[in-house]
PDB file of N, CA and C in Angstrom:
ATOM      1  N   UNK A   1     -22.651 -22.428 -21.988  1.00  0.00           N
ATOM      2  CA  UNK A   1     -21.883 -21.223 -21.731  1.00  0.00           C
ATOM      3  C   UNK A   1     -21.521 -21.105 -20.256  1.00  0.00           C
ATOM      4  N   UNK A   2     -22.473 -21.390 -19.371  1.00  0.00           N
ATOM      5  CA  UNK A   2     -22.206 -21.289 -17.946  1.00  0.00           C
ATOM      6  C   UNK A   2     -21.171 -22.311 -17.508  1.00  0.00           C
ATOM      7  N   UNK A   3     -21.186 -23.475 -18.117  1.00  0.00           N
ATOM      8  CA  UNK A   3     -20.234 -24.519 -17.764  1.00  0.00           C
ATOM      9  C   UNK A   3     -18.812 -24.081 -18.100  1.00  0.00           C
ATOM     10  N   UNK A   4     -18.634 -23.397 -19.235  1.00  0.00           N
ATOM     11  CA  UNK A   4     -17.317 -22.916 -19.617  1.00  0.00           C
ATOM     12  C   UNK A   4     -16.803 -21.884 -18.625  1.00  0.00           C
ATOM     13  N   UNK A   5     -17.658 -20.985 -18.189  1.00  0.00           N
ATOM     14  CA  UNK A   5     -17.254 -19.972 -17.212  1.00  0.00           C
ATOM     15  C   UNK A   5     -16.876 -20.636 -15.900  1.00  0.00           C
ATOM     16  N   UNK A   6     -17.630 -21.644 -15.486  1.00  0.00           N
ATOM     17  CA  UNK A   6     -17.322 -22.336 -14.249  1.00  0.00           C
ATOM     18  C   UNK A   6     -15.972 -23.048 -14.345  1.00  0.00           C
ATOM     19  N   UNK A   7     -15.701 -23.700 -15.485  1.00  0.00           N
ATOM     20  CA  UNK A   7     -14.428 -24.399 -15.654  1.00  0.00           C
ATOM     21  C   UNK A   7     -13.261 -23.430 -15.639  1.00  0.00           C
ATOM     22  N   UNK A   8     -13.431 -22.282 -16.271  1.00  0.00           N
ATOM     23  CA  UNK A   8     -12.359 -21.287 -16.280  1.00  0.00           C
ATOM     24  C   UNK A   8     -12.100 -20.779 -14.870  1.00  0.00           C
ATOM     25  N   UNK A   9     -13.176 -20.488 -14.120  1.00  0.00           N
ATOM     26  CA  UNK A   9     -12.970 -19.985 -12.768  1.00  0.00           C
ATOM     27  C   UNK A   9     -12.389 -21.069 -11.861  1.00  0.00           C
ATOM     28  N   UNK A  10     -12.759 -22.331 -12.067  1.00  0.00           N
ATOM     29  CA  UNK A  10     -12.198 -23.418 -11.268  1.00  0.00           C
ATOM     30  C   UNK A  10     -10.721 -23.597 -11.572  1.00  0.00           C
ATOM     31  N   UNK A  11     -10.343 -23.506 -12.870  1.00  0.00           N
ATOM     32  CA  UNK A  11      -8.939 -23.605 -13.235  1.00  0.00           C
ATOM     33  C   UNK A  11      -8.143 -22.449 -12.641  1.00  0.00           C
ATOM     34  N   UNK A  12      -8.714 -21.254 -12.665  1.00  0.00           N
ATOM     35  CA  UNK A  12      -8.025 -20.098 -12.108  1.00  0.00           C
ATOM     36  C   UNK A  12      -7.839 -20.258 -10.601  1.00  0.00           C
ATOM     37  N   UNK A  13      -8.860 -20.722  -9.890  1.00  0.00           N
ATOM     38  CA  UNK A  13      -8.729 -20.875  -8.443  1.00  0.00           C
ATOM     39  C   UNK A  13      -7.724 -21.968  -8.105  1.00  0.00           C
ATOM     40  N   UNK A  14      -7.655 -23.044  -8.903  1.00  0.00           N
ATOM     41  CA  UNK A  14      -6.646 -24.072  -8.673  1.00  0.00           C
ATOM     42  C   UNK A  14      -5.250 -23.528  -8.911  1.00  0.00           C
ATOM     43  N   UNK A  15      -5.085 -22.711  -9.941  1.00  0.00           N
ATOM     44  CA  UNK A  15      -3.786 -22.118 -10.241  1.00  0.00           C
ATOM     45  C   UNK A  15      -3.355 -21.180  -9.127  1.00  0.00           C
ATOM     46  N   UNK A  16      -4.252 -20.316  -8.670  1.00  0.00           N
ATOM     47  CA  UNK A  16      -3.874 -19.351  -7.641  1.00  0.00           C
ATOM     48  C   UNK A  16      -3.627 -20.030  -6.304  1.00  0.00           C
ATOM     49  N   UNK A  17      -4.338 -21.102  -6.004  1.00  0.00           N
ATOM     50  CA  UNK A  17      -4.130 -21.771  -4.726  1.00  0.00           C
ATOM     51  C   UNK A  17      -2.818 -22.535  -4.678  1.00  0.00           C
ATOM     52  N   UNK A  18      -2.301 -22.981  -5.821  1.00  0.00           N
ATOM     53  CA  UNK A  18      -1.073 -23.759  -5.804  1.00  0.00           C
ATOM     54  C   UNK A  18       0.169 -22.900  -5.957  1.00  0.00           C
ATOM     55  N   UNK A  19       0.049 -21.687  -6.489  1.00  0.00           N
ATOM     56  CA  UNK A  19       1.245 -20.893  -6.753  1.00  0.00           C
ATOM     57  C   UNK A  19       1.413 -19.710  -5.832  1.00  0.00           C
ATOM     58  N   UNK A  20       0.426 -19.355  -5.056  1.00  0.00           N
ATOM     59  CA  UNK A  20       0.538 -18.182  -4.203  1.00  0.00           C
ATOM     60  C   UNK A  20       0.286 -18.565  -2.756  1.00  0.00           C
ATOM     61  N   UNK A  21       0.690 -17.692  -1.819  1.00  0.00           N
ATOM     62  CA  UNK A  21       0.418 -17.970  -0.419  1.00  0.00           C
ATOM     63  C   UNK A  21      -1.078 -18.060  -0.144  1.00  0.00           C
ATOM     64  N   UNK A  22      -1.425 -18.772   0.872  1.00  0.00           N
ATOM     65  CA  UNK A  22      -2.827 -18.956   1.227  1.00  0.00           C
ATOM     66  C   UNK A  22      -3.416 -17.644   1.718  1.00  0.00           C
ATOM     67  N   UNK A  23      -4.439 -17.171   1.031  1.00  0.00           N
ATOM     68  CA  UNK A  23      -5.058 -15.910   1.405  1.00  0.00           C
ATOM     69  C   UNK A  23      -5.833 -16.057   2.705  1.00  0.00           C
ATOM     70  N   UNK A  24      -6.407 -17.216   2.944  1.00  0.00           N
ATOM     71  CA  UNK A  24      -7.207 -17.405   4.149  1.00  0.00           C
ATOM     72  C   UNK A  24      -6.343 -17.364   5.407  1.00  0.00           C
ATOM     73  N   UNK A  25      -5.103 -17.830   5.311  1.00  0.00           N
ATOM     74  CA  UNK A  25      -4.245 -17.880   6.484  1.00  0.00           C
ATOM     75  C   UNK A  25      -3.234 -16.752   6.523  1.00  0.00           C
ATOM     76  N   UNK A  26      -3.107 -16.003   5.439  1.00  0.00           N
ATOM     77  CA  UNK A  26      -2.135 -14.914   5.335  1.00  0.00           C
ATOM     78  C   UNK A  26      -0.735 -15.412   5.660  1.00  0.00           C
ATOM     79  N   UNK A  27      -0.393 -16.552   5.213  1.00  0.00           N
ATOM     80  CA  UNK A  27       0.929 -17.103   5.472  1.00  0.00           C
ATOM     81  C   UNK A  27       1.376 -17.955   4.313  1.00  0.00           C
ATOM     82  N   UNK A  28       2.402 -18.739   4.544  1.00  0.00           N
ATOM     83  CA  UNK A  28       2.950 -19.577   3.500  1.00  0.00           C
ATOM     84  C   UNK A  28       2.502 -21.011   3.647  1.00  0.00           C
ATOM     85  N   UNK A  29       2.353 -21.679   2.524  1.00  0.00           N
ATOM     86  CA  UNK A  29       2.033 -23.094   2.546  1.00  0.00           C
ATOM     87  C   UNK A  29       3.304 -23.932   2.590  1.00  0.00           C
ATOM     88  N   UNK A  30       4.400 -23.396   2.099  1.00  0.00           N
ATOM     89  CA  UNK A  30       5.635 -24.146   1.977  1.00  0.00           C
ATOM     90  C   UNK A  30       6.675 -23.541   2.916  1.00  0.00           C
ATOM     91  N   UNK A  31       7.234 -24.323   3.825  1.00  0.00           N
ATOM     92  CA  UNK A  31       8.208 -23.813   4.782  1.00  0.00           C
ATOM     93  C   UNK A  31       9.575 -23.576   4.170  1.00  0.00           C
ATOM     94  N   UNK A  32       9.861 -24.149   3.007  1.00  0.00           N
ATOM     95  CA  UNK A  32      11.178 -23.979   2.408  1.00  0.00           C
ATOM     96  C   UNK A  32      11.405 -22.557   1.907  1.00  0.00           C
ATOM     97  N   UNK A  33      10.346 -21.839   1.600  1.00  0.00           N
ATOM     98  CA  UNK A  33      10.489 -20.467   1.123  1.00  0.00           C
ATOM     99  C   UNK A  33      10.251 -19.443   2.229  1.00  0.00           C
ATOM    100  N   UNK A  34      10.148 -19.887   3.466  1.00  0.00           N
ATOM    101  CA  UNK A  34       9.838 -18.972   4.565  1.00  0.00           C
ATOM    102  C   UNK A  34      10.946 -17.944   4.781  1.00  0.00           C
ATOM    103  N   UNK A  35      12.205 -18.339   4.704  1.00  0.00           N
ATOM    104  CA  UNK A  35      13.300 -17.396   4.903  1.00  0.00           C
ATOM    105  C   UNK A  35      13.354 -16.356   3.800  1.00  0.00           C
ATOM    106  N   UNK A  36      13.105 -16.781   2.565  1.00  0.00           N
ATOM    107  CA  UNK A  36      13.080 -15.836   1.445  1.00  0.00           C
ATOM    108  C   UNK A  36      11.918 -14.871   1.615  1.00  0.00           C
ATOM    109  N   UNK A  37      10.769 -15.378   2.064  1.00  0.00           N
ATOM    110  CA  UNK A  37       9.609 -14.517   2.270  1.00  0.00           C
ATOM    111  C   UNK A  37       9.875 -13.505   3.380  1.00  0.00           C
ATOM    112  N   UNK A  38      10.526 -13.940   4.463  1.00  0.00           N
ATOM    113  CA  UNK A  38      10.830 -13.015   5.560  1.00  0.00           C
ATOM    114  C   UNK A  38      11.795 -11.933   5.115  1.00  0.00           C
ATOM    115  N   UNK A  39      12.821 -12.296   4.352  1.00  0.00           N
ATOM    116  CA  UNK A  39      13.766 -11.308   3.844  1.00  0.00           C
ATOM    117  C   UNK A  39      13.068 -10.324   2.925  1.00  0.00           C
ATOM    118  N   UNK A  40      12.215 -10.823   2.055  1.00  0.00           N
ATOM    119  CA  UNK A  40      11.451  -9.957   1.168  1.00  0.00           C
ATOM    120  C   UNK A  40      10.549  -9.018   1.965  1.00  0.00           C
ATOM    121  N   UNK A  41       9.914  -9.536   3.019  1.00  0.00           N
ATOM    122  CA  UNK A  41       9.028  -8.708   3.844  1.00  0.00           C
ATOM    123  C   UNK A  41       9.808  -7.623   4.563  1.00  0.00           C
ATOM    124  N   UNK A  42      10.979  -7.976   5.093  1.00  0.00           N
ATOM    125  CA  UNK A  42      11.790  -6.989   5.816  1.00  0.00           C
ATOM    126  C   UNK A  42      12.273  -5.902   4.872  1.00  0.00           C
ATOM    127  N   UNK A  43      12.779  -6.295   3.704  1.00  0.00           N
ATOM    128  CA  UNK A  43      13.260  -5.303   2.744  1.00  0.00           C
ATOM    129  C   UNK A  43      12.123  -4.429   2.223  1.00  0.00           C
ATOM    130  N   UNK A  44      10.967  -5.022   1.997  1.00  0.00           N
ATOM    131  CA  UNK A  44       9.810  -4.235   1.556  1.00  0.00           C
ATOM    132  C   UNK A  44       9.387  -3.236   2.619  1.00  0.00           C
ATOM    133  N   UNK A  45       9.378  -3.672   3.880  1.00  0.00           N
ATOM    134  CA  UNK A  45       9.008  -2.763   4.976  1.00  0.00           C
ATOM    135  C   UNK A  45       9.985  -1.606   5.087  1.00  0.00           C
ATOM    136  N   UNK A  46      11.270  -1.888   4.974  1.00  0.00           N
ATOM    137  CA  UNK A  46      12.270  -0.824   5.086  1.00  0.00           C
ATOM    138  C   UNK A  46      12.147   0.150   3.919  1.00  0.00           C
ATOM    139  N   UNK A  47      12.079  -0.366   2.711  1.00  0.00           N
ATOM    140  CA  UNK A  47      12.031   0.488   1.532  1.00  0.00           C
ATOM    141  C   UNK A  47      10.741   1.299   1.468  1.00  0.00           C
ATOM    142  N   UNK A  48       9.615   0.616   1.565  1.00  0.00           N
ATOM    143  CA  UNK A  48       8.331   1.320   1.457  1.00  0.00           C
ATOM    144  C   UNK A  48       8.060   2.182   2.685  1.00  0.00           C
ATOM    145  N   UNK A  49       8.529   1.759   3.851  1.00  0.00           N
ATOM    146  CA  UNK A  49       8.387   2.584   5.050  1.00  0.00           C
ATOM    147  C   UNK A  49       9.160   3.888   4.933  1.00  0.00           C
ATOM    148  N   UNK A  50      10.361   3.817   4.337  1.00  0.00           N
ATOM    149  CA  UNK A  50      11.130   5.051   4.147  1.00  0.00           C
ATOM    150  C   UNK A  50      10.451   5.969   3.133  1.00  0.00           C
ATOM    151  N   UNK A  51       9.813   5.400   2.125  1.00  0.00           N
ATOM    152  CA  UNK A  51       9.060   6.232   1.170  1.00  0.00           C
ATOM    153  C   UNK A  51       7.882   6.898   1.866  1.00  0.00           C
ATOM    154  N   UNK A  52       7.181   6.158   2.715  1.00  0.00           N
ATOM    155  CA  UNK A  52       6.039   6.722   3.443  1.00  0.00           C
ATOM    156  C   UNK A  52       6.491   7.872   4.335  1.00  0.00           C
ATOM    157  N   UNK A  53       7.582   7.664   5.076  1.00  0.00           N
ATOM    158  CA  UNK A  53       8.085   8.725   5.957  1.00  0.00           C
ATOM    159  C   UNK A  53       8.552   9.935   5.157  1.00  0.00           C
ATOM    160  N   UNK A  54       9.166   9.712   4.014  1.00  0.00           N
ATOM    161  CA  UNK A  54       9.610  10.822   3.163  1.00  0.00           C
ATOM    162  C   UNK A  54       8.420  11.610   2.632  1.00  0.00           C
ATOM    163  N   UNK A  55       7.370  10.917   2.230  1.00  0.00           N
ATOM    164  CA  UNK A  55       6.160  11.593   1.735  1.00  0.00           C
ATOM    165  C   UNK A  55       5.548  12.453   2.832  1.00  0.00           C
ATOM    166  N   UNK A  56       5.421  11.893   4.025  1.00  0.00           N
ATOM    167  CA  UNK A  56       4.815  12.640   5.133  1.00  0.00           C
ATOM    168  C   UNK A  56       5.688  13.830   5.520  1.00  0.00           C
ATOM    169  N   UNK A  57       6.996  13.597   5.667  1.00  0.00           N
ATOM    170  CA  UNK A  57       7.895  14.672   6.083  1.00  0.00           C
ATOM    171  C   UNK A  57       7.984  15.775   5.028  1.00  0.00           C
ATOM    172  N   UNK A  58       8.153  15.391   3.765  1.00  0.00           N
ATOM    173  CA  UNK A  58       8.294  16.385   2.699  1.00  0.00           C
ATOM    174  C   UNK A  58       7.057  17.244   2.535  1.00  0.00           C
ATOM    175  N   UNK A  59       5.902  16.625   2.562  1.00  0.00           N
ATOM    176  CA  UNK A  59       4.669  17.403   2.403  1.00  0.00           C
ATOM    177  C   UNK A  59       4.365  18.252   3.627  1.00  0.00           C
ATOM    178  N   UNK A  60       4.732  17.774   4.810  1.00  0.00           N
ATOM    179  CA  UNK A  60       4.537  18.616   5.999  1.00  0.00           C
ATOM    180  C   UNK A  60       5.464  19.829   5.960  1.00  0.00           C
ATOM    181  N   UNK A  61       6.653  19.680   5.372  1.00  0.00           N
ATOM    182  CA  UNK A  61       7.557  20.828   5.234  1.00  0.00           C
ATOM    183  C   UNK A  61       6.995  21.848   4.235  1.00  0.00           C
ATOM    184  N   UNK A  62       6.388  21.376   3.167  1.00  0.00           N
ATOM    185  CA  UNK A  62       5.762  22.290   2.199  1.00  0.00           C
ATOM    186  C   UNK A  62       4.612  23.033   2.863  1.00  0.00           C
ATOM    187  N   UNK A  63       3.778  22.320   3.610  1.00  0.00           N
ATOM    188  CA  UNK A  63       2.650  22.949   4.305  1.00  0.00           C
ATOM    189  C   UNK A  63       3.153  23.971   5.309  1.00  0.00           C
ATOM    190  N   UNK A  64       4.182  23.622   6.064  1.00  0.00           N
ATOM    191  CA  UNK A  64       4.741  24.536   7.064  1.00  0.00           C
ATOM    192  C   UNK A  64       5.331  25.783   6.404  1.00  0.00           C
ATOM    193  N   UNK A  65       6.025  25.609   5.276  1.00  0.00           N
ATOM    194  CA  UNK A  65       6.625  26.759   4.592  1.00  0.00           C
ATOM    195  C   UNK A  65       5.560  27.715   4.075  1.00  0.00           C
ATOM    196  N   UNK A  66       4.489  27.176   3.506  1.00  0.00           N
ATOM    197  CA  UNK A  66       3.438  28.044   2.966  1.00  0.00           C
ATOM    198  C   UNK A  66       2.689  28.744   4.096  1.00  0.00           C
ATOM    199  N   UNK A  67       2.475  28.063   5.207  1.00  0.00           N
ATOM    200  CA  UNK A  67       1.755  28.669   6.330  1.00  0.00           C
ATOM    201  C   UNK A  67       2.596  29.743   7.020  1.00  0.00           C
ATOM    202  N   UNK A  68       3.891  29.494   7.211  1.00  0.00           N
ATOM    203  CA  UNK A  68       4.741  30.423   7.972  1.00  0.00           C
ATOM    204  C   UNK A  68       5.162  31.665   7.186  1.00  0.00           C
ATOM    205  N   UNK A  69       5.398  31.549   5.902  1.00  0.00           N
ATOM    206  CA  UNK A  69       5.898  32.675   5.115  1.00  0.00           C
ATOM    207  C   UNK A  69       4.726  33.466   4.543  1.00  0.00           C
ATOM    208  N   UNK A  70       4.662  34.750   4.866  1.00  0.00           N
ATOM    209  CA  UNK A  70       3.537  35.582   4.417  1.00  0.00           C
ATOM    210  C   UNK A  70       3.526  35.790   2.915  1.00  0.00           C
ATOM    211  N   UNK A  71       4.699  35.860   2.307  1.00  0.00           N
ATOM    212  CA  UNK A  71       4.731  36.072   0.858  1.00  0.00           C
ATOM    213  C   UNK A  71       4.238  34.837   0.105  1.00  0.00           C
ATOM    214  N   UNK A  72       4.419  33.676   0.676  1.00  0.00           N
ATOM    215  CA  UNK A  72       3.929  32.458   0.031  1.00  0.00           C
ATOM    216  C   UNK A  72       2.415  32.297   0.183  1.00  0.00           C
ATOM    217  N   UNK A  73       1.858  32.838   1.262  1.00  0.00           N
ATOM    218  CA  UNK A  73       0.417  32.728   1.495  1.00  0.00           C
ATOM    219  C   UNK A  73      -0.403  33.524   0.482  1.00  0.00           C
ATOM    220  N   UNK A  74       0.151  34.607  -0.021  1.00  0.00           N
ATOM    221  CA  UNK A  74      -0.619  35.530  -0.842  1.00  0.00           C
ATOM    222  C   UNK A  74      -0.868  35.027  -2.256  1.00  0.00           C
ATOM    223  N   UNK A  75      -0.047  34.145  -2.743  1.00  0.00           N
ATOM    224  CA  UNK A  75      -0.161  33.679  -4.121  1.00  0.00           C
ATOM    225  C   UNK A  75      -1.212  32.567  -4.243  1.00  0.00           C
ATOM    226  N   UNK A  76      -2.028  32.668  -5.277  1.00  0.00           N
ATOM    227  CA  UNK A  76      -3.043  31.646  -5.527  1.00  0.00           C
ATOM    228  C   UNK A  76      -2.403  30.307  -5.913  1.00  0.00           C
ATOM    229  N   UNK A  77      -1.285  30.367  -6.644  1.00  0.00           N
ATOM    230  CA  UNK A  77      -0.594  29.139  -7.027  1.00  0.00           C
ATOM    231  C   UNK A  77      -0.066  28.399  -5.800  1.00  0.00           C
ATOM    232  N   UNK A  78       0.405  29.125  -4.808  1.00  0.00           N
ATOM    233  CA  UNK A  78       0.917  28.488  -3.597  1.00  0.00           C
ATOM    234  C   UNK A  78      -0.203  27.882  -2.757  1.00  0.00           C
ATOM    235  N   UNK A  79      -1.381  28.469  -2.832  1.00  0.00           N
ATOM    236  CA  UNK A  79      -2.526  27.839  -2.151  1.00  0.00           C
ATOM    237  C   UNK A  79      -2.885  26.520  -2.823  1.00  0.00           C
ATOM    238  N   UNK A  80      -2.752  26.473  -4.142  1.00  0.00           N
ATOM    239  CA  UNK A  80      -2.982  25.222  -4.863  1.00  0.00           C
ATOM    240  C   UNK A  80      -1.926  24.183  -4.476  1.00  0.00           C
ATOM    241  N   UNK A  81      -0.676  24.605  -4.365  1.00  0.00           N
ATOM    242  CA  UNK A  81       0.391  23.705  -3.928  1.00  0.00           C
ATOM    243  C   UNK A  81       0.136  23.230  -2.508  1.00  0.00           C
ATOM    244  N   UNK A  82      -0.363  24.112  -1.644  1.00  0.00           N
ATOM    245  CA  UNK A  82      -0.711  23.730  -0.276  1.00  0.00           C
ATOM    246  C   UNK A  82      -1.798  22.658  -0.271  1.00  0.00           C
ATOM    247  N   UNK A  83      -2.784  22.824  -1.126  1.00  0.00           N
ATOM    248  CA  UNK A  83      -3.851  21.832  -1.221  1.00  0.00           C
ATOM    249  C   UNK A  83      -3.321  20.490  -1.709  1.00  0.00           C
ATOM    250  N   UNK A  84      -2.454  20.511  -2.701  1.00  0.00           N
ATOM    251  CA  UNK A  84      -1.864  19.272  -3.203  1.00  0.00           C
ATOM    252  C   UNK A  84      -0.981  18.600  -2.156  1.00  0.00           C
ATOM    253  N   UNK A  85      -0.220  19.400  -1.410  1.00  0.00           N
ATOM    254  CA  UNK A  85       0.638  18.846  -0.363  1.00  0.00           C
ATOM    255  C   UNK A  85      -0.190  18.209   0.744  1.00  0.00           C
ATOM    256  N   UNK A  86      -1.301  18.841   1.099  1.00  0.00           N
ATOM    257  CA  UNK A  86      -2.172  18.276   2.129  1.00  0.00           C
ATOM    258  C   UNK A  86      -2.793  16.961   1.663  1.00  0.00           C
ATOM    259  N   UNK A  87      -3.254  16.925   0.409  1.00  0.00           N
ATOM    260  CA  UNK A  87      -3.848  15.697  -0.128  1.00  0.00           C
ATOM    261  C   UNK A  87      -2.808  14.585  -0.218  1.00  0.00           C
ATOM    262  N   UNK A  88      -1.609  14.918  -0.641  1.00  0.00           N
ATOM    263  CA  UNK A  88      -0.543  13.926  -0.748  1.00  0.00           C
ATOM    264  C   UNK A  88      -0.119  13.422   0.629  1.00  0.00           C
ATOM    265  N   UNK A  89      -0.110  14.303   1.616  1.00  0.00           N
ATOM    266  CA  UNK A  89       0.228  13.883   2.975  1.00  0.00           C
ATOM    267  C   UNK A  89      -0.854  12.958   3.534  1.00  0.00           C
ATOM    268  N   UNK A  90      -2.105  13.217   3.215  1.00  0.00           N
ATOM    269  CA  UNK A  90      -3.187  12.317   3.646  1.00  0.00           C
ATOM    270  C   UNK A  90      -3.035  10.940   3.017  1.00  0.00           C
ATOM    271  N   UNK A  91      -2.606  10.892   1.770  1.00  0.00           N
ATOM    272  CA  UNK A  91      -2.340   9.604   1.119  1.00  0.00           C
ATOM    273  C   UNK A  91      -1.221   8.880   1.864  1.00  0.00           C
ATOM    274  N   UNK A  92      -0.178   9.605   2.235  1.00  0.00           N
ATOM    275  CA  UNK A  92       0.946   9.003   2.962  1.00  0.00           C
ATOM    276  C   UNK A  92       0.564   8.524   4.345  1.00  0.00           C
ATOM    277  N   UNK A  93      -0.401   9.162   4.966  1.00  0.00           N
ATOM    278  CA  UNK A  93      -0.802   8.780   6.327  1.00  0.00           C
ATOM    279  C   UNK A  93      -1.820   7.645   6.310  1.00  0.00           C
ATOM    280  N   UNK A  94      -2.814   7.726   5.437  1.00  0.00           N
ATOM    281  CA  UNK A  94      -3.937   6.786   5.498  1.00  0.00           C
ATOM    282  C   UNK A  94      -3.856   5.630   4.500  1.00  0.00           C
ATOM    283  N   UNK A  95      -3.375   5.856   3.289  1.00  0.00           N
ATOM    284  CA  UNK A  95      -3.433   4.848   2.240  1.00  0.00           C
ATOM    285  C   UNK A  95      -2.150   4.030   2.155  1.00  0.00           C
ATOM    286  N   UNK A  96      -1.012   4.679   2.175  1.00  0.00           N
ATOM    287  CA  UNK A  96       0.247   3.967   1.961  1.00  0.00           C
ATOM    288  C   UNK A  96       0.561   2.931   3.045  1.00  0.00           C
ATOM    289  N   UNK A  97       0.271   3.172   4.332  1.00  0.00           N
ATOM    290  CA  UNK A  97       0.514   2.101   5.320  1.00  0.00           C
ATOM    291  C   UNK A  97      -0.348   0.862   5.076  1.00  0.00           C
ATOM    292  N   UNK A  98      -1.584   1.050   4.636  1.00  0.00           N
ATOM    293  CA  UNK A  98      -2.427  -0.101   4.319  1.00  0.00           C
ATOM    294  C   UNK A  98      -1.914  -0.835   3.084  1.00  0.00           C
ATOM    295  N   UNK A  99      -1.399  -0.095   2.129  1.00  0.00           N
ATOM    296  CA  UNK A  99      -0.804  -0.729   0.955  1.00  0.00           C
ATOM    297  C   UNK A  99       0.458  -1.498   1.323  1.00  0.00           C
ATOM    298  N   UNK A 100       1.234  -0.963   2.257  1.00  0.00           N
ATOM    299  CA  UNK A 100       2.412  -1.673   2.743  1.00  0.00           C
ATOM    300  C   UNK A 100       2.004  -2.974   3.427  1.00  0.00           C
ATOM    301  N   UNK A 101       0.966  -2.918   4.223  1.00  0.00           N
ATOM    302  CA  UNK A 101       0.441  -4.113   4.890  1.00  0.00           C
ATOM    303  C   UNK A 101       0.023  -5.156   3.860  1.00  0.00           C
ATOM    304  N   UNK A 102      -0.664  -4.730   2.827  1.00  0.00           N
ATOM    305  CA  UNK A 102      -1.107  -5.644   1.777  1.00  0.00           C
ATOM    306  C   UNK A 102       0.081  -6.217   1.009  1.00  0.00           C
ATOM    307  N   UNK A 103       1.090  -5.405   0.761  1.00  0.00           N
ATOM    308  CA  UNK A 103       2.268  -5.857   0.017  1.00  0.00           C
ATOM    309  C   UNK A 103       3.066  -6.896   0.808  1.00  0.00           C
ATOM    310  N   UNK A 104       3.220  -6.674   2.087  1.00  0.00           N
ATOM    311  CA  UNK A 104       4.042  -7.568   2.905  1.00  0.00           C
ATOM    312  C   UNK A 104       3.331  -8.891   3.165  1.00  0.00           C
ATOM    313  N   UNK A 105       2.054  -8.856   3.495  1.00  0.00           N
ATOM    314  CA  UNK A 105       1.344 -10.082   3.850  1.00  0.00           C
ATOM    315  C   UNK A 105       0.731 -10.804   2.658  1.00  0.00           C
ATOM    316  N   UNK A 106       0.677 -10.171   1.516  1.00  0.00           N
ATOM    317  CA  UNK A 106       0.065 -10.725   0.304  1.00  0.00           C
ATOM    318  C   UNK A 106      -1.398 -11.095   0.507  1.00  0.00           C
ATOM    319  N   UNK A 107      -2.043 -10.465   1.451  1.00  0.00           N
ATOM    320  CA  UNK A 107      -3.473 -10.670   1.668  1.00  0.00           C
ATOM    321  C   UNK A 107      -4.004  -9.493   2.477  1.00  0.00           C
ATOM    322  N   UNK A 108      -5.313  -9.402   2.548  1.00  0.00           N
ATOM    323  CA  UNK A 108      -5.944  -8.345   3.314  1.00  0.00           C
ATOM    324  C   UNK A 108      -6.322  -8.925   4.675  1.00  0.00           C
ATOM    325  N   UNK A 109      -5.554  -8.613   5.704  1.00  0.00           N
ATOM    326  CA  UNK A 109      -5.776  -9.202   7.010  1.00  0.00           C
ATOM    327  C   UNK A 109      -6.448  -8.288   7.994  1.00  0.00           C
ATOM    328  N   UNK A 110      -6.994  -7.172   7.548  1.00  0.00           N
ATOM    329  CA  UNK A 110      -7.574  -6.200   8.474  1.00  0.00           C
ATOM    330  C   UNK A 110      -9.086  -6.216   8.492  1.00  0.00           C
ATOM    331  N   UNK A 111      -9.723  -7.172   7.862  1.00  0.00           N
ATOM    332  CA  UNK A 111     -11.174  -7.232   7.891  1.00  0.00           C
ATOM    333  C   UNK A 111     -11.704  -8.202   6.874  1.00  0.00           C
ATOM    334  N   UNK A 112     -13.003  -8.204   6.736  1.00  0.00           N
ATOM    335  CA  UNK A 112     -13.680  -9.110   5.826  1.00  0.00           C
ATOM    336  C   UNK A 112     -13.542  -8.581   4.408  1.00  0.00           C
ATOM    337  N   UNK A 113     -12.921  -9.334   3.533  1.00  0.00           N
ATOM    338  CA  UNK A 113     -12.735  -8.899   2.149  1.00  0.00           C
ATOM    339  C   UNK A 113     -13.795  -9.461   1.213  1.00  0.00           C
ATOM    340  N   UNK A 114     -14.829 -10.083   1.748  1.00  0.00           N
ATOM    341  CA  UNK A 114     -15.868 -10.665   0.904  1.00  0.00           C
ATOM    342  C   UNK A 114     -16.969  -9.683   0.559  1.00  0.00           C
ATOM    343  N   UNK A 115     -16.876  -8.454   1.047  1.00  0.00           N
ATOM    344  CA  UNK A 115     -17.922  -7.458   0.824  1.00  0.00           C
ATOM    345  C   UNK A 115     -17.882  -6.953  -0.580  1.00  0.00           C
TER     346      UNK A 115
END
């Protein structure tokens, strides 16, 4: 049974090493696809970066509107919306840029991923 699991994991590691970019180097193994990879990275950065900025800007506007307008502060539903906007803005600030980094580089280059 253990031998079968080892063979499956060895086949999987051989498949992933030959078809995907090298995770250890966070780069490409084949120079012929480098231009396509750069174009993909640039377009991904522009598209996902604009989504990140929209999330941060939109949620900060919701927070500002609820804080500044006295009639909006009094409603319990608006306090719930304020809480959701704050949580969503935190996702846009802390999580989405790291996800963009992971999407563009196809690896985790900000620390030890063996933990």
